[in-house]
Amino acid sequence: MADCVLRTSALTRHFGGLAAVSGVSIECRARQVHAVIGPNGAGKTTLINLLSGDLRPSTGTVEFAGRNITGLRSDQISRLGIG
């Protein structure tokens, strides 16, 4: 099986009292196609913004290629190959 290249663990983002993303844990493996689907307001865009560094998570971690990228700026993450 291909290696895990993108992993989140208990990723959460709050806006005031609203949890836009709550406890998301995913593993994306190389050479596989992945999709984020859901109804309007489900947190899809917020999740993508957390992965790309446009937003910082309230809690949880984001790893890319085995490296913890939580809290890195979006330009730093882009140089790693995300975004």
N, C-alpha and C. Protein backbone atom coordinates (compact mmCIF):
# COMPACT_ATOMS: atom_id res chain seq x y z
N MET A 1 0.84 -1.18 0.00
CA MET A 1 0.00 0.00 0.00
C MET A 1 0.88 1.24 0.00
N ALA A 2 0.44 2.30 -0.66
CA ALA A 2 1.19 3.54 -0.76
C ALA A 2 1.31 4.22 0.60
N ASP A 3 2.35 5.01 0.75
CA ASP A 3 2.58 5.72 2.00
C ASP A 3 1.56 6.83 2.20
N CYS A 4 1.28 7.13 3.46
CA CYS A 4 0.40 8.24 3.80
C CYS A 4 1.17 9.54 3.58
N VAL A 5 0.63 10.42 2.73
CA VAL A 5 1.32 11.68 2.46
C VAL A 5 0.67 12.87 3.16
N LEU A 6 -0.60 12.75 3.49
CA LEU A 6 -1.30 13.82 4.18
C LEU A 6 -2.15 13.21 5.28
N ARG A 7 -1.97 13.71 6.49
CA ARG A 7 -2.71 13.16 7.63
C ARG A 7 -3.15 14.30 8.54
N THR A 8 -4.40 14.24 8.98
CA THR A 8 -4.85 15.15 10.03
C THR A 8 -5.28 14.32 11.22
N SER A 9 -5.14 14.90 12.38
CA SER A 9 -5.54 14.22 13.61
C SER A 9 -6.35 15.18 14.47
N ALA A 10 -7.62 14.83 14.68
CA ALA A 10 -8.53 15.60 15.55
C ALA A 10 -8.53 17.09 15.21
N LEU A 11 -8.55 17.40 13.92
CA LEU A 11 -8.49 18.79 13.46
C LEU A 11 -9.80 19.50 13.75
N THR A 12 -9.71 20.65 14.42
CA THR A 12 -10.89 21.43 14.79
C THR A 12 -10.60 22.90 14.54
N ARG A 13 -11.61 23.63 14.07
CA ARG A 13 -11.49 25.08 13.90
C ARG A 13 -12.79 25.72 14.36
N HIS A 14 -12.66 26.62 15.33
CA HIS A 14 -13.81 27.36 15.85
C HIS A 14 -13.78 28.79 15.32
N PHE A 15 -14.96 29.31 15.05
CA PHE A 15 -15.16 30.73 14.77
C PHE A 15 -16.13 31.22 15.82
N GLY A 16 -15.62 31.90 16.82
CA GLY A 16 -16.47 32.26 17.96
C GLY A 16 -16.93 30.98 18.64
N GLY A 17 -18.22 30.82 18.83
CA GLY A 17 -18.76 29.61 19.45
C GLY A 17 -19.09 28.50 18.47
N LEU A 18 -18.86 28.73 17.17
CA LEU A 18 -19.21 27.76 16.14
C LEU A 18 -18.01 26.91 15.76
N ALA A 19 -18.18 25.59 15.81
CA ALA A 19 -17.13 24.67 15.33
C ALA A 19 -17.38 24.41 13.86
N ALA A 20 -16.61 25.07 12.99
CA ALA A 20 -16.77 24.89 11.54
C ALA A 20 -16.24 23.54 11.10
N VAL A 21 -15.18 23.07 11.75
CA VAL A 21 -14.60 21.74 11.52
C VAL A 21 -14.36 21.17 12.90
N SER A 22 -14.78 19.93 13.11
CA SER A 22 -14.69 19.35 14.46
C SER A 22 -14.15 17.93 14.44
N GLY A 23 -12.96 17.75 14.96
CA GLY A 23 -12.39 16.42 15.16
C GLY A 23 -12.12 15.63 13.89
N VAL A 24 -11.71 16.29 12.82
CA VAL A 24 -11.48 15.62 11.54
C VAL A 24 -10.12 14.91 11.54
N SER A 25 -10.15 13.61 11.31
CA SER A 25 -8.94 12.81 11.17
C SER A 25 -9.00 12.09 9.84
N ILE A 26 -8.03 12.36 8.97
CA ILE A 26 -8.01 11.74 7.65
C ILE A 26 -6.60 11.25 7.34
N GLU A 27 -6.51 10.31 6.43
CA GLU A 27 -5.23 9.85 5.89
C GLU A 27 -5.36 9.76 4.38
N CYS A 28 -4.52 10.50 3.67
CA CYS A 28 -4.50 10.46 2.21
C CYS A 28 -3.21 9.80 1.77
N ARG A 29 -3.35 8.77 0.98
CA ARG A 29 -2.19 8.00 0.52
C ARG A 29 -1.80 8.41 -0.90
N ALA A 30 -0.55 8.24 -1.20
CA ALA A 30 -0.02 8.58 -2.53
C ALA A 30 -0.70 7.73 -3.59
N ARG A 31 -0.80 8.31 -4.78
CA ARG A 31 -1.36 7.63 -5.95
C ARG A 31 -2.81 7.20 -5.77
N GLN A 32 -3.55 7.91 -4.93
CA GLN A 32 -4.99 7.69 -4.77
C GLN A 32 -5.70 9.02 -4.95
N VAL A 33 -6.93 8.96 -5.42
CA VAL A 33 -7.75 10.16 -5.60
C VAL A 33 -8.62 10.32 -4.36
N HIS A 34 -8.69 11.54 -3.86
CA HIS A 34 -9.49 11.84 -2.67
C HIS A 34 -10.40 13.01 -2.98
N ALA A 35 -11.55 13.05 -2.33
CA ALA A 35 -12.51 14.14 -2.52
C ALA A 35 -13.07 14.56 -1.17
N VAL A 36 -13.41 15.83 -1.07
CA VAL A 36 -14.10 16.36 0.10
C VAL A 36 -15.48 16.76 -0.37
N ILE A 37 -16.50 16.08 0.13
CA ILE A 37 -17.87 16.36 -0.29
C ILE A 37 -18.74 16.59 0.94
N GLY A 38 -19.82 17.31 0.73
CA GLY A 38 -20.77 17.56 1.81
C GLY A 38 -21.67 18.72 1.43
N PRO A 39 -22.71 18.94 2.21
CA PRO A 39 -23.65 20.02 1.92
C PRO A 39 -23.04 21.39 2.21
N ASN A 40 -23.73 22.44 1.75
CA ASN A 40 -23.30 23.81 2.05
C ASN A 40 -23.16 23.97 3.56
N GLY A 41 -22.09 24.63 3.97
CA GLY A 41 -21.89 24.90 5.39
C GLY A 41 -21.31 23.75 6.19
N ALA A 42 -20.90 22.68 5.51
CA ALA A 42 -20.39 21.51 6.22
C ALA A 42 -18.94 21.66 6.67
N GLY A 43 -18.23 22.68 6.16
CA GLY A 43 -16.85 22.91 6.56
C GLY A 43 -15.81 22.49 5.53
N LYS A 44 -16.23 22.22 4.30
CA LYS A 44 -15.29 21.78 3.26
C LYS A 44 -14.22 22.84 2.99
N THR A 45 -14.63 24.06 2.76
CA THR A 45 -13.68 25.13 2.47
C THR A 45 -12.78 25.39 3.67
N THR A 46 -13.35 25.37 4.86
CA THR A 46 -12.55 25.56 6.07
C THR A 46 -11.50 24.47 6.18
N LEU A 47 -11.87 23.23 5.90
CA LEU A 47 -10.90 22.12 5.95
C LEU A 47 -9.76 22.35 4.96
N ILE A 48 -10.08 22.72 3.73
CA ILE A 48 -9.04 22.97 2.73
C ILE A 48 -8.15 24.13 3.17
N ASN A 49 -8.74 25.17 3.74
CA ASN A 49 -7.95 26.30 4.23
C ASN A 49 -7.05 25.90 5.39
N LEU A 50 -7.48 24.96 6.21
CA LEU A 50 -6.63 24.44 7.28
C LEU A 50 -5.46 23.65 6.71
N LEU A 51 -5.72 22.85 5.69
CA LEU A 51 -4.67 22.04 5.07
C LEU A 51 -3.62 22.91 4.37
N SER A 52 -4.07 24.01 3.78
CA SER A 52 -3.17 24.86 3.00
C SER A 52 -2.47 25.92 3.85
N GLY A 53 -2.85 26.05 5.11
CA GLY A 53 -2.23 27.04 5.98
C GLY A 53 -2.87 28.40 5.95
N ASP A 54 -3.96 28.55 5.18
CA ASP A 54 -4.67 29.83 5.17
C ASP A 54 -5.35 30.09 6.51
N LEU A 55 -5.70 29.03 7.22
CA LEU A 55 -6.25 29.12 8.58
C LEU A 55 -5.43 28.23 9.49
N ARG A 56 -5.36 28.60 10.75
CA ARG A 56 -4.72 27.74 11.75
C ARG A 56 -5.79 27.00 12.52
N PRO A 57 -5.55 25.74 12.83
CA PRO A 57 -6.56 24.99 13.59
C PRO A 57 -6.64 25.46 15.04
N SER A 58 -7.84 25.34 15.61
CA SER A 58 -8.00 25.60 17.04
C SER A 58 -7.32 24.49 17.82
N THR A 59 -7.50 23.25 17.36
CA THR A 59 -6.83 22.09 17.94
C THR A 59 -6.54 21.09 16.82
N GLY A 60 -5.68 20.13 17.10
CA GLY A 60 -5.36 19.09 16.15
C GLY A 60 -4.09 19.38 15.37
N THR A 61 -3.72 18.43 14.52
CA THR A 61 -2.48 18.54 13.76
C THR A 61 -2.69 18.20 12.29
N VAL A 62 -1.79 18.74 11.47
CA VAL A 62 -1.73 18.43 10.04
C VAL A 62 -0.31 17.98 9.75
N GLU A 63 -0.17 16.83 9.09
CA GLU A 63 1.15 16.32 8.70
C GLU A 63 1.18 16.12 7.19
N PHE A 64 2.30 16.47 6.59
CA PHE A 64 2.51 16.25 5.16
C PHE A 64 3.85 15.54 4.99
N ALA A 65 3.82 14.39 4.36
CA ALA A 65 5.03 13.59 4.12
C ALA A 65 5.80 13.34 5.42
N GLY A 66 5.06 13.07 6.49
CA GLY A 66 5.67 12.75 7.77
C GLY A 66 6.13 13.94 8.59
N ARG A 67 5.91 15.14 8.07
CA ARG A 67 6.34 16.37 8.76
C ARG A 67 5.12 17.10 9.31
N ASN A 68 5.19 17.51 10.57
CA ASN A 68 4.11 18.28 11.17
C ASN A 68 4.16 19.69 10.59
N ILE A 69 3.09 20.07 9.87
CA ILE A 69 3.04 21.39 9.25
C ILE A 69 2.02 22.29 9.93
N THR A 70 1.48 21.86 11.05
CA THR A 70 0.50 22.65 11.79
C THR A 70 1.11 24.00 12.16
N GLY A 71 0.41 25.06 11.78
CA GLY A 71 0.87 26.40 12.15
C GLY A 71 1.84 27.05 11.18
N LEU A 72 2.32 26.30 10.18
CA LEU A 72 3.18 26.94 9.17
C LEU A 72 2.36 27.91 8.33
N ARG A 73 3.01 28.94 7.83
CA ARG A 73 2.33 29.88 6.94
C ARG A 73 2.01 29.21 5.61
N SER A 74 1.02 29.75 4.91
CA SER A 74 0.59 29.15 3.64
C SER A 74 1.72 29.13 2.61
N ASP A 75 2.59 30.15 2.59
CA ASP A 75 3.68 30.15 1.61
C ASP A 75 4.69 29.04 1.92
N GLN A 76 4.90 28.74 3.19
CA GLN A 76 5.81 27.65 3.57
C GLN A 76 5.21 26.30 3.16
N ILE A 77 3.92 26.14 3.38
CA ILE A 77 3.24 24.89 3.02
C ILE A 77 3.22 24.72 1.51
N SER A 78 3.00 25.80 0.78
CA SER A 78 2.98 25.74 -0.68
C SER A 78 4.31 25.25 -1.23
N ARG A 79 5.41 25.67 -0.63
CA ARG A 79 6.73 25.23 -1.08
C ARG A 79 6.94 23.74 -0.86
N LEU A 80 6.20 23.16 0.08
CA LEU A 80 6.30 21.72 0.33
C LEU A 80 5.51 20.90 -0.69
N GLY A 81 4.58 21.57 -1.42
CA GLY A 81 3.82 20.87 -2.45
C GLY A 81 2.33 20.83 -2.24
N ILE A 82 1.82 21.57 -1.26
CA ILE A 82 0.37 21.65 -1.04
C ILE A 82 -0.09 23.03 -1.46
N GLY A 83 -1.25 23.07 -2.14
CA GLY A 83 -1.82 24.38 -2.47
C GLY A 83 -1.68 24.68 -3.85
